[in-house]
Amino acid sequence: MSNQNKEIMLRWYDEVWNNGNENVIDEIMHPDAKAFGLGAEPLIGPPGFKPFYKAFNDSYSDINVVLDKIFTDGDYVICLCTAKATYKETGKPVNFTGTSIALMENGQIKLAWNHFDFLTLNLQTGKIKEEQLV
């Protein structure tokens, strides 16, 4: 099952993020899934995740997520990622790293813990200034 779960996560990043195929979200994300780390509260199922996905895609183009390492442990898949994109407002490239941990159930993401370096991303876009960090 570990290899199948690994392939599902590879497909998630490739099709959903790198190729912008929103329809795959409904296929791979369990209807009752909980995604942590993408907002103040968990995002529940595809209806909860899609506004985050759309907002990110509205702000960034040329999104490319590389899975630097993938580890499996039973039904868990851990992905170490490097994301690159273009910030639409300025046309400048951005890049940041992150980790996702997914609990898979029957070929779908049931729970996901996301730890992406949105601080670095927001520093690169100018949404946060370095002097605000002191």
C-alpha atoms as a PDB file:
ATOM      1  CA  MET A   1       0.000   0.000   0.000  1.00  0.00           C
ATOM      2  CA  SER A   2       2.916   2.383   0.683  1.00  0.00           C
ATOM      3  CA  ASN A   3       3.929   2.519  -2.993  1.00  0.00           C
ATOM      4  CA  GLN A   4       0.338   3.167  -4.069  1.00  0.00           C
ATOM      5  CA  ASN A   5       0.024   5.987  -1.529  1.00  0.00           C
ATOM      6  CA  LYS A   6       3.339   7.438  -2.692  1.00  0.00           C
ATOM      7  CA  GLU A   7       2.087   7.426  -6.304  1.00  0.00           C
ATOM      8  CA  ILE A   8      -1.130   9.174  -5.258  1.00  0.00           C
ATOM      9  CA  MET A   9       0.848  11.962  -3.581  1.00  0.00           C
ATOM     10  CA  LEU A  10       3.124  12.301  -6.617  1.00  0.00           C
ATOM     11  CA  ARG A  11      -0.007  12.628  -8.729  1.00  0.00           C
ATOM     12  CA  TRP A  12      -1.490  15.204  -6.296  1.00  0.00           C
ATOM     13  CA  TYR A  13       1.476  17.539  -6.637  1.00  0.00           C
ATOM     14  CA  ASP A  14       1.964  16.953 -10.346  1.00  0.00           C
ATOM     15  CA  GLU A  15      -1.635  17.248 -11.498  1.00  0.00           C
ATOM     16  CA  VAL A  16      -3.177  19.584  -8.915  1.00  0.00           C
ATOM     17  CA  TRP A  17      -0.282  22.001  -8.393  1.00  0.00           C
ATOM     18  CA  ASN A  18       2.075  21.698 -11.367  1.00  0.00           C
ATOM     19  CA  ASN A  19      -0.609  21.264 -14.029  1.00  0.00           C
ATOM     20  CA  GLY A  20      -3.452  23.206 -12.387  1.00  0.00           C
ATOM     21  CA  ASN A  21      -5.973  20.370 -12.683  1.00  0.00           C
ATOM     22  CA  GLU A  22      -8.544  21.336 -10.056  1.00  0.00           C
ATOM     23  CA  ASN A  23     -10.770  18.324 -10.886  1.00  0.00           C
ATOM     24  CA  VAL A  24      -8.192  15.955  -9.395  1.00  0.00           C
ATOM     25  CA  ILE A  25      -8.814  17.518  -5.963  1.00  0.00           C
ATOM     26  CA  ASP A  26     -12.260  15.876  -5.842  1.00  0.00           C
ATOM     27  CA  GLU A  27     -10.759  12.549  -6.851  1.00  0.00           C
ATOM     28  CA  ILE A  28      -7.810  12.400  -4.449  1.00  0.00           C
ATOM     29  CA  MET A  29      -9.065  14.360  -1.440  1.00  0.00           C
ATOM     30  CA  HIS A  30     -11.506  12.495   0.804  1.00  0.00           C
ATOM     31  CA  PRO A  31     -14.846  14.344   1.180  1.00  0.00           C
ATOM     32  CA  ASP A  32     -14.261  14.618   4.953  1.00  0.00           C
ATOM     33  CA  ALA A  33     -10.506  15.291   4.755  1.00  0.00           C
ATOM     34  CA  LYS A  34      -8.942  17.782   7.112  1.00  0.00           C
ATOM     35  CA  ALA A  35      -5.994  19.864   5.899  1.00  0.00           C
ATOM     36  CA  PHE A  36      -4.069  21.644   8.641  1.00  0.00           C
ATOM     37  CA  GLY A  37      -1.537  24.462   8.239  1.00  0.00           C
ATOM     38  CA  LEU A  38      -3.108  26.323   5.323  1.00  0.00           C
ATOM     39  CA  GLY A  39      -5.177  28.742   7.375  1.00  0.00           C
ATOM     40  CA  ALA A  40      -6.260  29.534  10.908  1.00  0.00           C
ATOM     41  CA  GLU A  41      -8.641  26.565  10.926  1.00  0.00           C
ATOM     42  CA  PRO A  42      -8.439  23.170   9.194  1.00  0.00           C
ATOM     43  CA  LEU A  43      -9.769  23.102   5.632  1.00  0.00           C
ATOM     44  CA  ILE A  44     -12.481  20.435   5.386  1.00  0.00           C
ATOM     45  CA  GLY A  45     -12.820  18.368   2.222  1.00  0.00           C
ATOM     46  CA  PRO A  46     -12.552  19.661  -1.341  1.00  0.00           C
ATOM     47  CA  PRO A  47     -15.064  22.493  -0.697  1.00  0.00           C
ATOM     48  CA  GLY A  48     -12.855  23.786   2.108  1.00  0.00           C
ATOM     49  CA  PHE A  49      -9.588  23.326   0.211  1.00  0.00           C
ATOM     50  CA  LYS A  50     -10.584  24.807  -3.158  1.00  0.00           C
ATOM     51  CA  PRO A  51     -10.830  28.469  -1.992  1.00  0.00           C
ATOM     52  CA  PHE A  52      -7.228  28.241  -0.722  1.00  0.00           C
ATOM     53  CA  TYR A  53      -6.159  26.588  -3.985  1.00  0.00           C
ATOM     54  CA  LYS A  54      -7.928  29.195  -6.123  1.00  0.00           C
ATOM     55  CA  ALA A  55      -6.545  32.121  -4.084  1.00  0.00           C
ATOM     56  CA  PHE A  56      -3.010  30.756  -4.451  1.00  0.00           C
ATOM     57  CA  ASN A  57      -3.458  30.270  -8.196  1.00  0.00           C
ATOM     58  CA  ASP A  58      -4.956  33.761  -8.521  1.00  0.00           C
ATOM     59  CA  SER A  59      -1.796  35.226  -6.947  1.00  0.00           C
ATOM     60  CA  TYR A  60       0.861  32.993  -8.536  1.00  0.00           C
ATOM     61  CA  SER A  61       1.535  31.538 -11.971  1.00  0.00           C
ATOM     62  CA  ASP A  62       4.043  29.007 -13.282  1.00  0.00           C
ATOM     63  CA  ILE A  63       3.643  26.983 -10.093  1.00  0.00           C
ATOM     64  CA  ASN A  64       6.078  24.100  -9.888  1.00  0.00           C
ATOM     65  CA  VAL A  65       6.436  21.885  -6.847  1.00  0.00           C
ATOM     66  CA  VAL A  66       9.344  19.464  -6.772  1.00  0.00           C
ATOM     67  CA  LEU A  67       9.195  16.607  -4.311  1.00  0.00           C
ATOM     68  CA  ASP A  68      12.766  16.484  -3.055  1.00  0.00           C
ATOM     69  CA  LYS A  69      12.134  13.434  -0.857  1.00  0.00           C
ATOM     70  CA  ILE A  70       9.174  11.174  -0.187  1.00  0.00           C
ATOM     71  CA  PHE A  71       8.963   8.858   2.803  1.00  0.00           C
ATOM     72  CA  THR A  72       6.235   6.373   3.635  1.00  0.00           C
ATOM     73  CA  ASP A  73       5.290   4.793   6.925  1.00  0.00           C
ATOM     74  CA  GLY A  74       2.256   2.567   6.651  1.00  0.00           C
ATOM     75  CA  ASP A  75      -0.595   4.793   5.470  1.00  0.00           C
ATOM     76  CA  TYR A  76       1.420   8.001   6.003  1.00  0.00           C
ATOM     77  CA  VAL A  77       3.260   9.784   3.197  1.00  0.00           C
ATOM     78  CA  ILE A  78       5.748  12.533   4.036  1.00  0.00           C
ATOM     79  CA  CYS A  79       6.853  14.876   1.255  1.00  0.00           C
ATOM     80  CA  LEU A  80       9.729  17.373   1.441  1.00  0.00           C
ATOM     81  CA  CYS A  81       8.970  19.992  -1.203  1.00  0.00           C
ATOM     82  CA  THR A  82      10.499  22.938  -3.002  1.00  0.00           C
ATOM     83  CA  ALA A  83       7.936  25.247  -4.612  1.00  0.00           C
ATOM     84  CA  LYS A  84       8.683  27.842  -7.277  1.00  0.00           C
ATOM     85  CA  ALA A  85       6.249  30.248  -8.903  1.00  0.00           C
ATOM     86  CA  THR A  86       5.858  33.728 -10.314  1.00  0.00           C
ATOM     87  CA  TYR A  87       4.129  36.366  -8.197  1.00  0.00           C
ATOM     88  CA  LYS A  88       1.556  37.787 -10.623  1.00  0.00           C
ATOM     89  CA  GLU A  89       1.474  41.250  -9.043  1.00  0.00           C
ATOM     90  CA  THR A  90       5.162  41.916  -9.740  1.00  0.00           C
ATOM     91  CA  GLY A  91       6.175  39.224 -12.205  1.00  0.00           C
ATOM     92  CA  LYS A  92       9.011  38.245  -9.859  1.00  0.00           C
ATOM     93  CA  PRO A  93       9.942  34.629  -9.153  1.00  0.00           C
ATOM     94  CA  VAL A  94       9.436  33.220  -5.666  1.00  0.00           C
ATOM     95  CA  ASN A  95      10.554  29.985  -4.077  1.00  0.00           C
ATOM     96  CA  PHE A  96      10.044  28.355  -0.711  1.00  0.00           C
ATOM     97  CA  THR A  97      10.216  24.956   0.908  1.00  0.00           C
ATOM     98  CA  GLY A  98       7.803  22.879   2.900  1.00  0.00           C
ATOM     99  CA  THR A  99       6.751  19.551   4.268  1.00  0.00           C
ATOM    100  CA  SER A 100       3.437  17.771   3.984  1.00  0.00           C
ATOM    101  CA  ILE A 101       2.376  14.726   5.934  1.00  0.00           C
ATOM    102  CA  ALA A 102      -0.669  12.903   4.618  1.00  0.00           C
ATOM    103  CA  LEU A 103      -2.651  10.060   6.120  1.00  0.00           C
ATOM    104  CA  MET A 104      -4.110   8.065   3.258  1.00  0.00           C
ATOM    105  CA  GLU A 105      -7.345   6.095   3.410  1.00  0.00           C
ATOM    106  CA  ASN A 106      -8.657   3.995   0.513  1.00  0.00           C
ATOM    107  CA  GLY A 107      -6.549   5.855  -2.046  1.00  0.00           C
ATOM    108  CA  GLN A 108      -7.472   9.337  -0.818  1.00  0.00           C
ATOM    109  CA  ILE A 109      -5.971  11.990   1.442  1.00  0.00           C
ATOM    110  CA  LYS A 110      -7.874  11.753   4.724  1.00  0.00           C
ATOM    111  CA  LEU A 111      -5.712  14.027   6.900  1.00  0.00           C
ATOM    112  CA  ALA A 112      -2.926  16.412   5.880  1.00  0.00           C
ATOM    113  CA  TRP A 113      -0.507  18.445   7.943  1.00  0.00           C
ATOM    114  CA  ASN A 114       1.180  21.183   5.911  1.00  0.00           C
ATOM    115  CA  HIS A 115       4.260  23.074   7.049  1.00  0.00           C
ATOM    116  CA  PHE A 116       5.283  25.436   4.270  1.00  0.00           C
ATOM    117  CA  ASP A 117       7.567  28.438   4.682  1.00  0.00           C
ATOM    118  CA  PHE A 118       4.955  31.082   3.932  1.00  0.00           C
ATOM    119  CA  LEU A 119       7.068  33.620   5.867  1.00  0.00           C
ATOM    120  CA  THR A 120       9.806  33.392   3.225  1.00  0.00           C
ATOM    121  CA  LEU A 121       7.163  33.541   0.503  1.00  0.00           C
ATOM    122  CA  ASN A 122       5.602  36.688   1.992  1.00  0.00           C
ATOM    123  CA  LEU A 123       9.025  38.319   2.434  1.00  0.00           C
ATOM    124  CA  GLN A 124       9.748  37.691  -1.258  1.00  0.00           C
ATOM    125  CA  THR A 125       6.443  39.229  -2.348  1.00  0.00           C
ATOM    126  CA  GLY A 126       6.818  42.235  -0.044  1.00  0.00           C
ATOM    127  CA  LYS A 127       3.667  41.420   1.918  1.00  0.00           C
ATOM    128  CA  ILE A 128       5.892  41.284   4.998  1.00  0.00           C
ATOM    129  CA  LYS A 129       8.960  43.510   5.462  1.00  0.00           C
ATOM    130  CA  GLU A 130      12.083  42.295   7.277  1.00  0.00           C
ATOM    131  CA  GLU A 131      11.822  45.148   9.777  1.00  0.00           C
ATOM    132  CA  GLN A 132       8.469  43.721  10.881  1.00  0.00           C
ATOM    133  CA  LEU A 133      10.257  40.611  12.153  1.00  0.00           C
ATOM    134  CA  VAL A 134      12.145  42.354  14.966  1.00  0.00           C
END
